[in-house]
PDBML (XML) file of the C-alpha atoms, coordinates in Angstrom:
<?xml version="1.0" encoding="UTF-8" ?>
<PDBx:datablock datablockName="MODEL"
   xmlns:PDBx="http://pdbml.pdb.org/schema/pdbx-v50.xsd"
   xmlns:xsi="http://www.w3.org/2001/XMLSchema-instance"
   xsi:schemaLocation="http://pdbml.pdb.org/schema/pdbx-v50.xsd pdbx-v50.xsd">
   <PDBx:atom_siteCategory>
      <PDBx:atom_site id="1">
         <PDBx:B_iso_or_equiv>0.00</PDBx:B_iso_or_equiv>
         <PDBx:Cartn_x>79.570</PDBx:Cartn_x>
         <PDBx:Cartn_y>144.126</PDBx:Cartn_y>
         <PDBx:Cartn_z>160.673</PDBx:Cartn_z>
         <PDBx:auth_asym_id>A</PDBx:auth_asym_id>
         <PDBx:auth_atom_id>CA</PDBx:auth_atom_id>
         <PDBx:auth_comp_id>ASP</PDBx:auth_comp_id>
         <PDBx:auth_seq_id>1</PDBx:auth_seq_id>
         <PDBx:group_PDB>ATOM</PDBx:group_PDB>
         <PDBx:label_alt_id xsi:nil="true" />
         <PDBx:label_asym_id>A</PDBx:label_asym_id>
         <PDBx:label_atom_id>CA</PDBx:label_atom_id>
         <PDBx:label_comp_id>ASP</PDBx:label_comp_id>
         <PDBx:label_entity_id>1</PDBx:label_entity_id>
         <PDBx:label_seq_id>1</PDBx:label_seq_id>
         <PDBx:occupancy>1.00</PDBx:occupancy>
         <PDBx:pdbx_PDB_model_num>1</PDBx:pdbx_PDB_model_num>
         <PDBx:type_symbol>C</PDBx:type_symbol>
      </PDBx:atom_site>
      <PDBx:atom_site id="2">
         <PDBx:B_iso_or_equiv>0.00</PDBx:B_iso_or_equiv>
         <PDBx:Cartn_x>81.786</PDBx:Cartn_x>
         <PDBx:Cartn_y>147.658</PDBx:Cartn_y>
         <PDBx:Cartn_z>160.442</PDBx:Cartn_z>
         <PDBx:auth_asym_id>A</PDBx:auth_asym_id>
         <PDBx:auth_atom_id>CA</PDBx:auth_atom_id>
         <PDBx:auth_comp_id>ASP</PDBx:auth_comp_id>
         <PDBx:auth_seq_id>2</PDBx:auth_seq_id>
         <PDBx:group_PDB>ATOM</PDBx:group_PDB>
         <PDBx:label_alt_id xsi:nil="true" />
         <PDBx:label_asym_id>A</PDBx:label_asym_id>
         <PDBx:label_atom_id>CA</PDBx:label_atom_id>
         <PDBx:label_comp_id>ASP</PDBx:label_comp_id>
         <PDBx:label_entity_id>1</PDBx:label_entity_id>
         <PDBx:label_seq_id>2</PDBx:label_seq_id>
         <PDBx:occupancy>1.00</PDBx:occupancy>
         <PDBx:pdbx_PDB_model_num>1</PDBx:pdbx_PDB_model_num>
         <PDBx:type_symbol>C</PDBx:type_symbol>
      </PDBx:atom_site>
      <PDBx:atom_site id="3">
         <PDBx:B_iso_or_equiv>0.00</PDBx:B_iso_or_equiv>
         <PDBx:Cartn_x>85.083</PDBx:Cartn_x>
         <PDBx:Cartn_y>146.748</PDBx:Cartn_y>
         <PDBx:Cartn_z>159.549</PDBx:Cartn_z>
         <PDBx:auth_asym_id>A</PDBx:auth_asym_id>
         <PDBx:auth_atom_id>CA</PDBx:auth_atom_id>
         <PDBx:auth_comp_id>THR</PDBx:auth_comp_id>
         <PDBx:auth_seq_id>3</PDBx:auth_seq_id>
         <PDBx:group_PDB>ATOM</PDBx:group_PDB>
         <PDBx:label_alt_id xsi:nil="true" />
         <PDBx:label_asym_id>A</PDBx:label_asym_id>
         <PDBx:label_atom_id>CA</PDBx:label_atom_id>
         <PDBx:label_comp_id>THR</PDBx:label_comp_id>
         <PDBx:label_entity_id>1</PDBx:label_entity_id>
         <PDBx:label_seq_id>3</PDBx:label_seq_id>
         <PDBx:occupancy>1.00</PDBx:occupancy>
         <PDBx:pdbx_PDB_model_num>1</PDBx:pdbx_PDB_model_num>
         <PDBx:type_symbol>C</PDBx:type_symbol>
      </PDBx:atom_site>
      <PDBx:atom_site id="4">
         <PDBx:B_iso_or_equiv>0.00</PDBx:B_iso_or_equiv>
         <PDBx:Cartn_x>88.287</PDBx:Cartn_x>
         <PDBx:Cartn_y>148.364</PDBx:Cartn_y>
         <PDBx:Cartn_z>160.748</PDBx:Cartn_z>
         <PDBx:auth_asym_id>A</PDBx:auth_asym_id>
         <PDBx:auth_atom_id>CA</PDBx:auth_atom_id>
         <PDBx:auth_comp_id>THR</PDBx:auth_comp_id>
         <PDBx:auth_seq_id>4</PDBx:auth_seq_id>
         <PDBx:group_PDB>ATOM</PDBx:group_PDB>
         <PDBx:label_alt_id xsi:nil="true" />
         <PDBx:label_asym_id>A</PDBx:label_asym_id>
         <PDBx:label_atom_id>CA</PDBx:label_atom_id>
         <PDBx:label_comp_id>THR</PDBx:label_comp_id>
         <PDBx:label_entity_id>1</PDBx:label_entity_id>
         <PDBx:label_seq_id>4</PDBx:label_seq_id>
         <PDBx:occupancy>1.00</PDBx:occupancy>
         <PDBx:pdbx_PDB_model_num>1</PDBx:pdbx_PDB_model_num>
         <PDBx:type_symbol>C</PDBx:type_symbol>
      </PDBx:atom_site>
      <PDBx:atom_site id="5">
         <PDBx:B_iso_or_equiv>0.00</PDBx:B_iso_or_equiv>
         <PDBx:Cartn_x>91.295</PDBx:Cartn_x>
         <PDBx:Cartn_y>148.791</PDBx:Cartn_y>
         <PDBx:Cartn_z>159.278</PDBx:Cartn_z>
         <PDBx:auth_asym_id>A</PDBx:auth_asym_id>
         <PDBx:auth_atom_id>CA</PDBx:auth_atom_id>
         <PDBx:auth_comp_id>TYR</PDBx:auth_comp_id>
         <PDBx:auth_seq_id>5</PDBx:auth_seq_id>
         <PDBx:group_PDB>ATOM</PDBx:group_PDB>
         <PDBx:label_alt_id xsi:nil="true" />
         <PDBx:label_asym_id>A</PDBx:label_asym_id>
         <PDBx:label_atom_id>CA</PDBx:label_atom_id>
         <PDBx:label_comp_id>TYR</PDBx:label_comp_id>
         <PDBx:label_entity_id>1</PDBx:label_entity_id>
         <PDBx:label_seq_id>5</PDBx:label_seq_id>
         <PDBx:occupancy>1.00</PDBx:occupancy>
         <PDBx:pdbx_PDB_model_num>1</PDBx:pdbx_PDB_model_num>
         <PDBx:type_symbol>C</PDBx:type_symbol>
      </PDBx:atom_site>
      <PDBx:atom_site id="6">
         <PDBx:B_iso_or_equiv>0.00</PDBx:B_iso_or_equiv>
         <PDBx:Cartn_x>94.831</PDBx:Cartn_x>
         <PDBx:Cartn_y>147.798</PDBx:Cartn_y>
         <PDBx:Cartn_z>160.777</PDBx:Cartn_z>
         <PDBx:auth_asym_id>A</PDBx:auth_asym_id>
         <PDBx:auth_atom_id>CA</PDBx:auth_atom_id>
         <PDBx:auth_comp_id>TYR</PDBx:auth_comp_id>
         <PDBx:auth_seq_id>6</PDBx:auth_seq_id>
         <PDBx:group_PDB>ATOM</PDBx:group_PDB>
         <PDBx:label_alt_id xsi:nil="true" />
         <PDBx:label_asym_id>A</PDBx:label_asym_id>
         <PDBx:label_atom_id>CA</PDBx:label_atom_id>
         <PDBx:label_comp_id>TYR</PDBx:label_comp_id>
         <PDBx:label_entity_id>1</PDBx:label_entity_id>
         <PDBx:label_seq_id>6</PDBx:label_seq_id>
         <PDBx:occupancy>1.00</PDBx:occupancy>
         <PDBx:pdbx_PDB_model_num>1</PDBx:pdbx_PDB_model_num>
         <PDBx:type_symbol>C</PDBx:type_symbol>
      </PDBx:atom_site>
      <PDBx:atom_site id="7">
         <PDBx:B_iso_or_equiv>0.00</PDBx:B_iso_or_equiv>
         <PDBx:Cartn_x>96.905</PDBx:Cartn_x>
         <PDBx:Cartn_y>147.737</PDBx:Cartn_y>
         <PDBx:Cartn_z>158.023</PDBx:Cartn_z>
         <PDBx:auth_asym_id>A</PDBx:auth_asym_id>
         <PDBx:auth_atom_id>CA</PDBx:auth_atom_id>
         <PDBx:auth_comp_id>THR</PDBx:auth_comp_id>
         <PDBx:auth_seq_id>7</PDBx:auth_seq_id>
         <PDBx:group_PDB>ATOM</PDBx:group_PDB>
         <PDBx:label_alt_id xsi:nil="true" />
         <PDBx:label_asym_id>A</PDBx:label_asym_id>
         <PDBx:label_atom_id>CA</PDBx:label_atom_id>
         <PDBx:label_comp_id>THR</PDBx:label_comp_id>
         <PDBx:label_entity_id>1</PDBx:label_entity_id>
         <PDBx:label_seq_id>7</PDBx:label_seq_id>
         <PDBx:occupancy>1.00</PDBx:occupancy>
         <PDBx:pdbx_PDB_model_num>1</PDBx:pdbx_PDB_model_num>
         <PDBx:type_symbol>C</PDBx:type_symbol>
      </PDBx:atom_site>
      <PDBx:atom_site id="8">
         <PDBx:B_iso_or_equiv>0.00</PDBx:B_iso_or_equiv>
         <PDBx:Cartn_x>97.009</PDBx:Cartn_x>
         <PDBx:Cartn_y>150.851</PDBx:Cartn_y>
         <PDBx:Cartn_z>155.477</PDBx:Cartn_z>
         <PDBx:auth_asym_id>A</PDBx:auth_asym_id>
         <PDBx:auth_atom_id>CA</PDBx:auth_atom_id>
         <PDBx:auth_comp_id>ASP</PDBx:auth_comp_id>
         <PDBx:auth_seq_id>8</PDBx:auth_seq_id>
         <PDBx:group_PDB>ATOM</PDBx:group_PDB>
         <PDBx:label_alt_id xsi:nil="true" />
         <PDBx:label_asym_id>A</PDBx:label_asym_id>
         <PDBx:label_atom_id>CA</PDBx:label_atom_id>
         <PDBx:label_comp_id>ASP</PDBx:label_comp_id>
         <PDBx:label_entity_id>1</PDBx:label_entity_id>
         <PDBx:label_seq_id>8</PDBx:label_seq_id>
         <PDBx:occupancy>1.00</PDBx:occupancy>
         <PDBx:pdbx_PDB_model_num>1</PDBx:pdbx_PDB_model_num>
         <PDBx:type_symbol>C</PDBx:type_symbol>
      </PDBx:atom_site>
      <PDBx:atom_site id="9">
         <PDBx:B_iso_or_equiv>0.00</PDBx:B_iso_or_equiv>
         <PDBx:Cartn_x>98.131</PDBx:Cartn_x>
         <PDBx:Cartn_y>148.715</PDBx:Cartn_y>
         <PDBx:Cartn_z>152.777</PDBx:Cartn_z>
         <PDBx:auth_asym_id>A</PDBx:auth_asym_id>
         <PDBx:auth_atom_id>CA</PDBx:auth_atom_id>
         <PDBx:auth_comp_id>SER</PDBx:auth_comp_id>
         <PDBx:auth_seq_id>9</PDBx:auth_seq_id>
         <PDBx:group_PDB>ATOM</PDBx:group_PDB>
         <PDBx:label_alt_id xsi:nil="true" />
         <PDBx:label_asym_id>A</PDBx:label_asym_id>
         <PDBx:label_atom_id>CA</PDBx:label_atom_id>
         <PDBx:label_comp_id>SER</PDBx:label_comp_id>
         <PDBx:label_entity_id>1</PDBx:label_entity_id>
         <PDBx:label_seq_id>9</PDBx:label_seq_id>
         <PDBx:occupancy>1.00</PDBx:occupancy>
         <PDBx:pdbx_PDB_model_num>1</PDBx:pdbx_PDB_model_num>
         <PDBx:type_symbol>C</PDBx:type_symbol>
      </PDBx:atom_site>
      <PDBx:atom_site id="10">
         <PDBx:B_iso_or_equiv>0.00</PDBx:B_iso_or_equiv>
         <PDBx:Cartn_x>95.282</PDBx:Cartn_x>
         <PDBx:Cartn_y>146.297</PDBx:Cartn_y>
         <PDBx:Cartn_z>152.689</PDBx:Cartn_z>
         <PDBx:auth_asym_id>A</PDBx:auth_asym_id>
         <PDBx:auth_atom_id>CA</PDBx:auth_atom_id>
         <PDBx:auth_comp_id>VAL</PDBx:auth_comp_id>
         <PDBx:auth_seq_id>10</PDBx:auth_seq_id>
         <PDBx:group_PDB>ATOM</PDBx:group_PDB>
         <PDBx:label_alt_id xsi:nil="true" />
         <PDBx:label_asym_id>A</PDBx:label_asym_id>
         <PDBx:label_atom_id>CA</PDBx:label_atom_id>
         <PDBx:label_comp_id>VAL</PDBx:label_comp_id>
         <PDBx:label_entity_id>1</PDBx:label_entity_id>
         <PDBx:label_seq_id>10</PDBx:label_seq_id>
         <PDBx:occupancy>1.00</PDBx:occupancy>
         <PDBx:pdbx_PDB_model_num>1</PDBx:pdbx_PDB_model_num>
         <PDBx:type_symbol>C</PDBx:type_symbol>
      </PDBx:atom_site>
      <PDBx:atom_site id="11">
         <PDBx:B_iso_or_equiv>0.00</PDBx:B_iso_or_equiv>
         <PDBx:Cartn_x>92.640</PDBx:Cartn_x>
         <PDBx:Cartn_y>149.369</PDBx:Cartn_y>
         <PDBx:Cartn_z>152.211</PDBx:Cartn_z>
         <PDBx:auth_asym_id>A</PDBx:auth_asym_id>
         <PDBx:auth_atom_id>CA</PDBx:auth_atom_id>
         <PDBx:auth_comp_id>LYS</PDBx:auth_comp_id>
         <PDBx:auth_seq_id>11</PDBx:auth_seq_id>
         <PDBx:group_PDB>ATOM</PDBx:group_PDB>
         <PDBx:label_alt_id xsi:nil="true" />
         <PDBx:label_asym_id>A</PDBx:label_asym_id>
         <PDBx:label_atom_id>CA</PDBx:label_atom_id>
         <PDBx:label_comp_id>LYS</PDBx:label_comp_id>
         <PDBx:label_entity_id>1</PDBx:label_entity_id>
         <PDBx:label_seq_id>11</PDBx:label_seq_id>
         <PDBx:occupancy>1.00</PDBx:occupancy>
         <PDBx:pdbx_PDB_model_num>1</PDBx:pdbx_PDB_model_num>
         <PDBx:type_symbol>C</PDBx:type_symbol>
      </PDBx:atom_site>
      <PDBx:atom_site id="12">
         <PDBx:B_iso_or_equiv>0.00</PDBx:B_iso_or_equiv>
         <PDBx:Cartn_x>91.158</PDBx:Cartn_x>
         <PDBx:Cartn_y>149.663</PDBx:Cartn_y>
         <PDBx:Cartn_z>149.202</PDBx:Cartn_z>
         <PDBx:auth_asym_id>A</PDBx:auth_asym_id>
         <PDBx:auth_atom_id>CA</PDBx:auth_atom_id>
         <PDBx:auth_comp_id>GLY</PDBx:auth_comp_id>
         <PDBx:auth_seq_id>12</PDBx:auth_seq_id>
         <PDBx:group_PDB>ATOM</PDBx:group_PDB>
         <PDBx:label_alt_id xsi:nil="true" />
         <PDBx:label_asym_id>A</PDBx:label_asym_id>
         <PDBx:label_atom_id>CA</PDBx:label_atom_id>
         <PDBx:label_comp_id>GLY</PDBx:label_comp_id>
         <PDBx:label_entity_id>1</PDBx:label_entity_id>
         <PDBx:label_seq_id>12</PDBx:label_seq_id>
         <PDBx:occupancy>1.00</PDBx:occupancy>
         <PDBx:pdbx_PDB_model_num>1</PDBx:pdbx_PDB_model_num>
         <PDBx:type_symbol>C</PDBx:type_symbol>
      </PDBx:atom_site>
      <PDBx:atom_site id="13">
         <PDBx:B_iso_or_equiv>0.00</PDBx:B_iso_or_equiv>
         <PDBx:Cartn_x>92.289</PDBx:Cartn_x>
         <PDBx:Cartn_y>145.829</PDBx:Cartn_y>
         <PDBx:Cartn_z>148.493</PDBx:Cartn_z>
         <PDBx:auth_asym_id>A</PDBx:auth_asym_id>
         <PDBx:auth_atom_id>CA</PDBx:auth_atom_id>
         <PDBx:auth_comp_id>ARG</PDBx:auth_comp_id>
         <PDBx:auth_seq_id>13</PDBx:auth_seq_id>
         <PDBx:group_PDB>ATOM</PDBx:group_PDB>
         <PDBx:label_alt_id xsi:nil="true" />
         <PDBx:label_asym_id>A</PDBx:label_asym_id>
         <PDBx:label_atom_id>CA</PDBx:label_atom_id>
         <PDBx:label_comp_id>ARG</PDBx:label_comp_id>
         <PDBx:label_entity_id>1</PDBx:label_entity_id>
         <PDBx:label_seq_id>13</PDBx:label_seq_id>
         <PDBx:occupancy>1.00</PDBx:occupancy>
         <PDBx:pdbx_PDB_model_num>1</PDBx:pdbx_PDB_model_num>
         <PDBx:type_symbol>C</PDBx:type_symbol>
      </PDBx:atom_site>
      <PDBx:atom_site id="14">
         <PDBx:B_iso_or_equiv>0.00</PDBx:B_iso_or_equiv>
         <PDBx:Cartn_x>90.607</PDBx:Cartn_x>
         <PDBx:Cartn_y>143.667</PDBx:Cartn_y>
         <PDBx:Cartn_z>151.105</PDBx:Cartn_z>
         <PDBx:auth_asym_id>A</PDBx:auth_asym_id>
         <PDBx:auth_atom_id>CA</PDBx:auth_atom_id>
         <PDBx:auth_comp_id>PHE</PDBx:auth_comp_id>
         <PDBx:auth_seq_id>14</PDBx:auth_seq_id>
         <PDBx:group_PDB>ATOM</PDBx:group_PDB>
         <PDBx:label_alt_id xsi:nil="true" />
         <PDBx:label_asym_id>A</PDBx:label_asym_id>
         <PDBx:label_atom_id>CA</PDBx:label_atom_id>
         <PDBx:label_comp_id>PHE</PDBx:label_comp_id>
         <PDBx:label_entity_id>1</PDBx:label_entity_id>
         <PDBx:label_seq_id>14</PDBx:label_seq_id>
         <PDBx:occupancy>1.00</PDBx:occupancy>
         <PDBx:pdbx_PDB_model_num>1</PDBx:pdbx_PDB_model_num>
         <PDBx:type_symbol>C</PDBx:type_symbol>
      </PDBx:atom_site>
      <PDBx:atom_site id="15">
         <PDBx:B_iso_or_equiv>0.00</PDBx:B_iso_or_equiv>
         <PDBx:Cartn_x>87.225</PDBx:Cartn_x>
         <PDBx:Cartn_y>143.212</PDBx:Cartn_y>
         <PDBx:Cartn_z>152.642</PDBx:Cartn_z>
         <PDBx:auth_asym_id>A</PDBx:auth_asym_id>
         <PDBx:auth_atom_id>CA</PDBx:auth_atom_id>
         <PDBx:auth_comp_id>THR</PDBx:auth_comp_id>
         <PDBx:auth_seq_id>15</PDBx:auth_seq_id>
         <PDBx:group_PDB>ATOM</PDBx:group_PDB>
         <PDBx:label_alt_id xsi:nil="true" />
         <PDBx:label_asym_id>A</PDBx:label_asym_id>
         <PDBx:label_atom_id>CA</PDBx:label_atom_id>
         <PDBx:label_comp_id>THR</PDBx:label_comp_id>
         <PDBx:label_entity_id>1</PDBx:label_entity_id>
         <PDBx:label_seq_id>15</PDBx:label_seq_id>
         <PDBx:occupancy>1.00</PDBx:occupancy>
         <PDBx:pdbx_PDB_model_num>1</PDBx:pdbx_PDB_model_num>
         <PDBx:type_symbol>C</PDBx:type_symbol>
      </PDBx:atom_site>
      <PDBx:atom_site id="16">
         <PDBx:B_iso_or_equiv>0.00</PDBx:B_iso_or_equiv>
         <PDBx:Cartn_x>86.031</PDBx:Cartn_x>
         <PDBx:Cartn_y>140.993</PDBx:Cartn_y>
         <PDBx:Cartn_z>155.356</PDBx:Cartn_z>
         <PDBx:auth_asym_id>A</PDBx:auth_asym_id>
         <PDBx:auth_atom_id>CA</PDBx:auth_atom_id>
         <PDBx:auth_comp_id>SER</PDBx:auth_comp_id>
         <PDBx:auth_seq_id>16</PDBx:auth_seq_id>
         <PDBx:group_PDB>ATOM</PDBx:group_PDB>
         <PDBx:label_alt_id xsi:nil="true" />
         <PDBx:label_asym_id>A</PDBx:label_asym_id>
         <PDBx:label_atom_id>CA</PDBx:label_atom_id>
         <PDBx:label_comp_id>SER</PDBx:label_comp_id>
         <PDBx:label_entity_id>1</PDBx:label_entity_id>
         <PDBx:label_seq_id>16</PDBx:label_seq_id>
         <PDBx:occupancy>1.00</PDBx:occupancy>
         <PDBx:pdbx_PDB_model_num>1</PDBx:pdbx_PDB_model_num>
         <PDBx:type_symbol>C</PDBx:type_symbol>
      </PDBx:atom_site>
      <PDBx:atom_site id="17">
         <PDBx:B_iso_or_equiv>0.00</PDBx:B_iso_or_equiv>
         <PDBx:Cartn_x>81.988</PDBx:Cartn_x>
         <PDBx:Cartn_y>139.816</PDBx:Cartn_y>
         <PDBx:Cartn_z>154.988</PDBx:Cartn_z>
         <PDBx:auth_asym_id>A</PDBx:auth_asym_id>
         <PDBx:auth_atom_id>CA</PDBx:auth_atom_id>
         <PDBx:auth_comp_id>SER</PDBx:auth_comp_id>
         <PDBx:auth_seq_id>17</PDBx:auth_seq_id>
         <PDBx:group_PDB>ATOM</PDBx:group_PDB>
         <PDBx:label_alt_id xsi:nil="true" />
         <PDBx:label_asym_id>A</PDBx:label_asym_id>
         <PDBx:label_atom_id>CA</PDBx:label_atom_id>
         <PDBx:label_comp_id>SER</PDBx:label_comp_id>
         <PDBx:label_entity_id>1</PDBx:label_entity_id>
         <PDBx:label_seq_id>17</PDBx:label_seq_id>
         <PDBx:occupancy>1.00</PDBx:occupancy>
         <PDBx:pdbx_PDB_model_num>1</PDBx:pdbx_PDB_model_num>
         <PDBx:type_symbol>C</PDBx:type_symbol>
      </PDBx:atom_site>
      <PDBx:atom_site id="18">
         <PDBx:B_iso_or_equiv>0.00</PDBx:B_iso_or_equiv>
         <PDBx:Cartn_x>79.001</PDBx:Cartn_x>
         <PDBx:Cartn_y>137.608</PDBx:Cartn_y>
         <PDBx:Cartn_z>156.765</PDBx:Cartn_z>
         <PDBx:auth_asym_id>A</PDBx:auth_asym_id>
         <PDBx:auth_atom_id>CA</PDBx:auth_atom_id>
         <PDBx:auth_comp_id>ARG</PDBx:auth_comp_id>
         <PDBx:auth_seq_id>18</PDBx:auth_seq_id>
         <PDBx:group_PDB>ATOM</PDBx:group_PDB>
         <PDBx:label_alt_id xsi:nil="true" />
         <PDBx:label_asym_id>A</PDBx:label_asym_id>
         <PDBx:label_atom_id>CA</PDBx:label_atom_id>
         <PDBx:label_comp_id>ARG</PDBx:label_comp_id>
         <PDBx:label_entity_id>1</PDBx:label_entity_id>
         <PDBx:label_seq_id>18</PDBx:label_seq_id>
         <PDBx:occupancy>1.00</PDBx:occupancy>
         <PDBx:pdbx_PDB_model_num>1</PDBx:pdbx_PDB_model_num>
         <PDBx:type_symbol>C</PDBx:type_symbol>
      </PDBx:atom_site>
      <PDBx:atom_site id="19">
         <PDBx:B_iso_or_equiv>0.00</PDBx:B_iso_or_equiv>
         <PDBx:Cartn_x>76.982</PDBx:Cartn_x>
         <PDBx:Cartn_y>134.292</PDBx:Cartn_y>
         <PDBx:Cartn_z>155.590</PDBx:Cartn_z>
         <PDBx:auth_asym_id>A</PDBx:auth_asym_id>
         <PDBx:auth_atom_id>CA</PDBx:auth_atom_id>
         <PDBx:auth_comp_id>ASP</PDBx:auth_comp_id>
         <PDBx:auth_seq_id>19</PDBx:auth_seq_id>
         <PDBx:group_PDB>ATOM</PDBx:group_PDB>
         <PDBx:label_alt_id xsi:nil="true" />
         <PDBx:label_asym_id>A</PDBx:label_asym_id>
         <PDBx:label_atom_id>CA</PDBx:label_atom_id>
         <PDBx:label_comp_id>ASP</PDBx:label_comp_id>
         <PDBx:label_entity_id>1</PDBx:label_entity_id>
         <PDBx:label_seq_id>19</PDBx:label_seq_id>
         <PDBx:occupancy>1.00</PDBx:occupancy>
         <PDBx:pdbx_PDB_model_num>1</PDBx:pdbx_PDB_model_num>
         <PDBx:type_symbol>C</PDBx:type_symbol>
      </PDBx:atom_site>
      <PDBx:atom_site id="20">
         <PDBx:B_iso_or_equiv>0.00</PDBx:B_iso_or_equiv>
         <PDBx:Cartn_x>74.916</PDBx:Cartn_x>
         <PDBx:Cartn_y>133.643</PDBx:Cartn_y>
         <PDBx:Cartn_z>158.756</PDBx:Cartn_z>
         <PDBx:auth_asym_id>A</PDBx:auth_asym_id>
         <PDBx:auth_atom_id>CA</PDBx:auth_atom_id>
         <PDBx:auth_comp_id>ASN</PDBx:auth_comp_id>
         <PDBx:auth_seq_id>20</PDBx:auth_seq_id>
         <PDBx:group_PDB>ATOM</PDBx:group_PDB>
         <PDBx:label_alt_id xsi:nil="true" />
         <PDBx:label_asym_id>A</PDBx:label_asym_id>
         <PDBx:label_atom_id>CA</PDBx:label_atom_id>
         <PDBx:label_comp_id>ASN</PDBx:label_comp_id>
         <PDBx:label_entity_id>1</PDBx:label_entity_id>
         <PDBx:label_seq_id>20</PDBx:label_seq_id>
         <PDBx:occupancy>1.00</PDBx:occupancy>
         <PDBx:pdbx_PDB_model_num>1</PDBx:pdbx_PDB_model_num>
         <PDBx:type_symbol>C</PDBx:type_symbol>
      </PDBx:atom_site>
      <PDBx:atom_site id="21">
         <PDBx:B_iso_or_equiv>0.00</PDBx:B_iso_or_equiv>
         <PDBx:Cartn_x>73.108</PDBx:Cartn_x>
         <PDBx:Cartn_y>130.870</PDBx:Cartn_y>
         <PDBx:Cartn_z>157.547</PDBx:Cartn_z>
         <PDBx:auth_asym_id>A</PDBx:auth_asym_id>
         <PDBx:auth_atom_id>CA</PDBx:auth_atom_id>
         <PDBx:auth_comp_id>ALA</PDBx:auth_comp_id>
         <PDBx:auth_seq_id>21</PDBx:auth_seq_id>
         <PDBx:group_PDB>ATOM</PDBx:group_PDB>
         <PDBx:label_alt_id xsi:nil="true" />
         <PDBx:label_asym_id>A</PDBx:label_asym_id>
         <PDBx:label_atom_id>CA</PDBx:label_atom_id>
         <PDBx:label_comp_id>ALA</PDBx:label_comp_id>
         <PDBx:label_entity_id>1</PDBx:label_entity_id>
         <PDBx:label_seq_id>21</PDBx:label_seq_id>
         <PDBx:occupancy>1.00</PDBx:occupancy>
         <PDBx:pdbx_PDB_model_num>1</PDBx:pdbx_PDB_model_num>
         <PDBx:type_symbol>C</PDBx:type_symbol>
      </PDBx:atom_site>
      <PDBx:atom_site id="22">
         <PDBx:B_iso_or_equiv>0.00</PDBx:B_iso_or_equiv>
         <PDBx:Cartn_x>76.704</PDBx:Cartn_x>
         <PDBx:Cartn_y>129.546</PDBx:Cartn_y>
         <PDBx:Cartn_z>156.764</PDBx:Cartn_z>
         <PDBx:auth_asym_id>A</PDBx:auth_asym_id>
         <PDBx:auth_atom_id>CA</PDBx:auth_atom_id>
         <PDBx:auth_comp_id>LYS</PDBx:auth_comp_id>
         <PDBx:auth_seq_id>22</PDBx:auth_seq_id>
         <PDBx:group_PDB>ATOM</PDBx:group_PDB>
         <PDBx:label_alt_id xsi:nil="true" />
         <PDBx:label_asym_id>A</PDBx:label_asym_id>
         <PDBx:label_atom_id>CA</PDBx:label_atom_id>
         <PDBx:label_comp_id>LYS</PDBx:label_comp_id>
         <PDBx:label_entity_id>1</PDBx:label_entity_id>
         <PDBx:label_seq_id>22</PDBx:label_seq_id>
         <PDBx:occupancy>1.00</PDBx:occupancy>
         <PDBx:pdbx_PDB_model_num>1</PDBx:pdbx_PDB_model_num>
         <PDBx:type_symbol>C</PDBx:type_symbol>
      </PDBx:atom_site>
      <PDBx:atom_site id="23">
         <PDBx:B_iso_or_equiv>0.00</PDBx:B_iso_or_equiv>
         <PDBx:Cartn_x>78.272</PDBx:Cartn_x>
         <PDBx:Cartn_y>130.715</PDBx:Cartn_y>
         <PDBx:Cartn_z>160.218</PDBx:Cartn_z>
         <PDBx:auth_asym_id>A</PDBx:auth_asym_id>
         <PDBx:auth_atom_id>CA</PDBx:auth_atom_id>
         <PDBx:auth_comp_id>ASN</PDBx:auth_comp_id>
         <PDBx:auth_seq_id>23</PDBx:auth_seq_id>
         <PDBx:group_PDB>ATOM</PDBx:group_PDB>
         <PDBx:label_alt_id xsi:nil="true" />
         <PDBx:label_asym_id>A</PDBx:label_asym_id>
         <PDBx:label_atom_id>CA</PDBx:label_atom_id>
         <PDBx:label_comp_id>ASN</PDBx:label_comp_id>
         <PDBx:label_entity_id>1</PDBx:label_entity_id>
         <PDBx:label_seq_id>23</PDBx:label_seq_id>
         <PDBx:occupancy>1.00</PDBx:occupancy>
         <PDBx:pdbx_PDB_model_num>1</PDBx:pdbx_PDB_model_num>
         <PDBx:type_symbol>C</PDBx:type_symbol>
      </PDBx:atom_site>
      <PDBx:atom_site id="24">
         <PDBx:B_iso_or_equiv>0.00</PDBx:B_iso_or_equiv>
         <PDBx:Cartn_x>81.028</PDBx:Cartn_x>
         <PDBx:Cartn_y>131.505</PDBx:Cartn_y>
         <PDBx:Cartn_z>157.690</PDBx:Cartn_z>
         <PDBx:auth_asym_id>A</PDBx:auth_asym_id>
         <PDBx:auth_atom_id>CA</PDBx:auth_atom_id>
         <PDBx:auth_comp_id>THR</PDBx:auth_comp_id>
         <PDBx:auth_seq_id>24</PDBx:auth_seq_id>
         <PDBx:group_PDB>ATOM</PDBx:group_PDB>
         <PDBx:label_alt_id xsi:nil="true" />
         <PDBx:label_asym_id>A</PDBx:label_asym_id>
         <PDBx:label_atom_id>CA</PDBx:label_atom_id>
         <PDBx:label_comp_id>THR</PDBx:label_comp_id>
         <PDBx:label_entity_id>1</PDBx:label_entity_id>
         <PDBx:label_seq_id>24</PDBx:label_seq_id>
         <PDBx:occupancy>1.00</PDBx:occupancy>
         <PDBx:pdbx_PDB_model_num>1</PDBx:pdbx_PDB_model_num>
         <PDBx:type_symbol>C</PDBx:type_symbol>
      </PDBx:atom_site>
   </PDBx:atom_siteCategory>
</PDBx:datablock>
């Protein structure tokens, strides 16, 4: 669950997360 940003323009605006119970 470590995040690496490949596009600087989305830093501070986009985040990703997991819900293992929903496999999503």
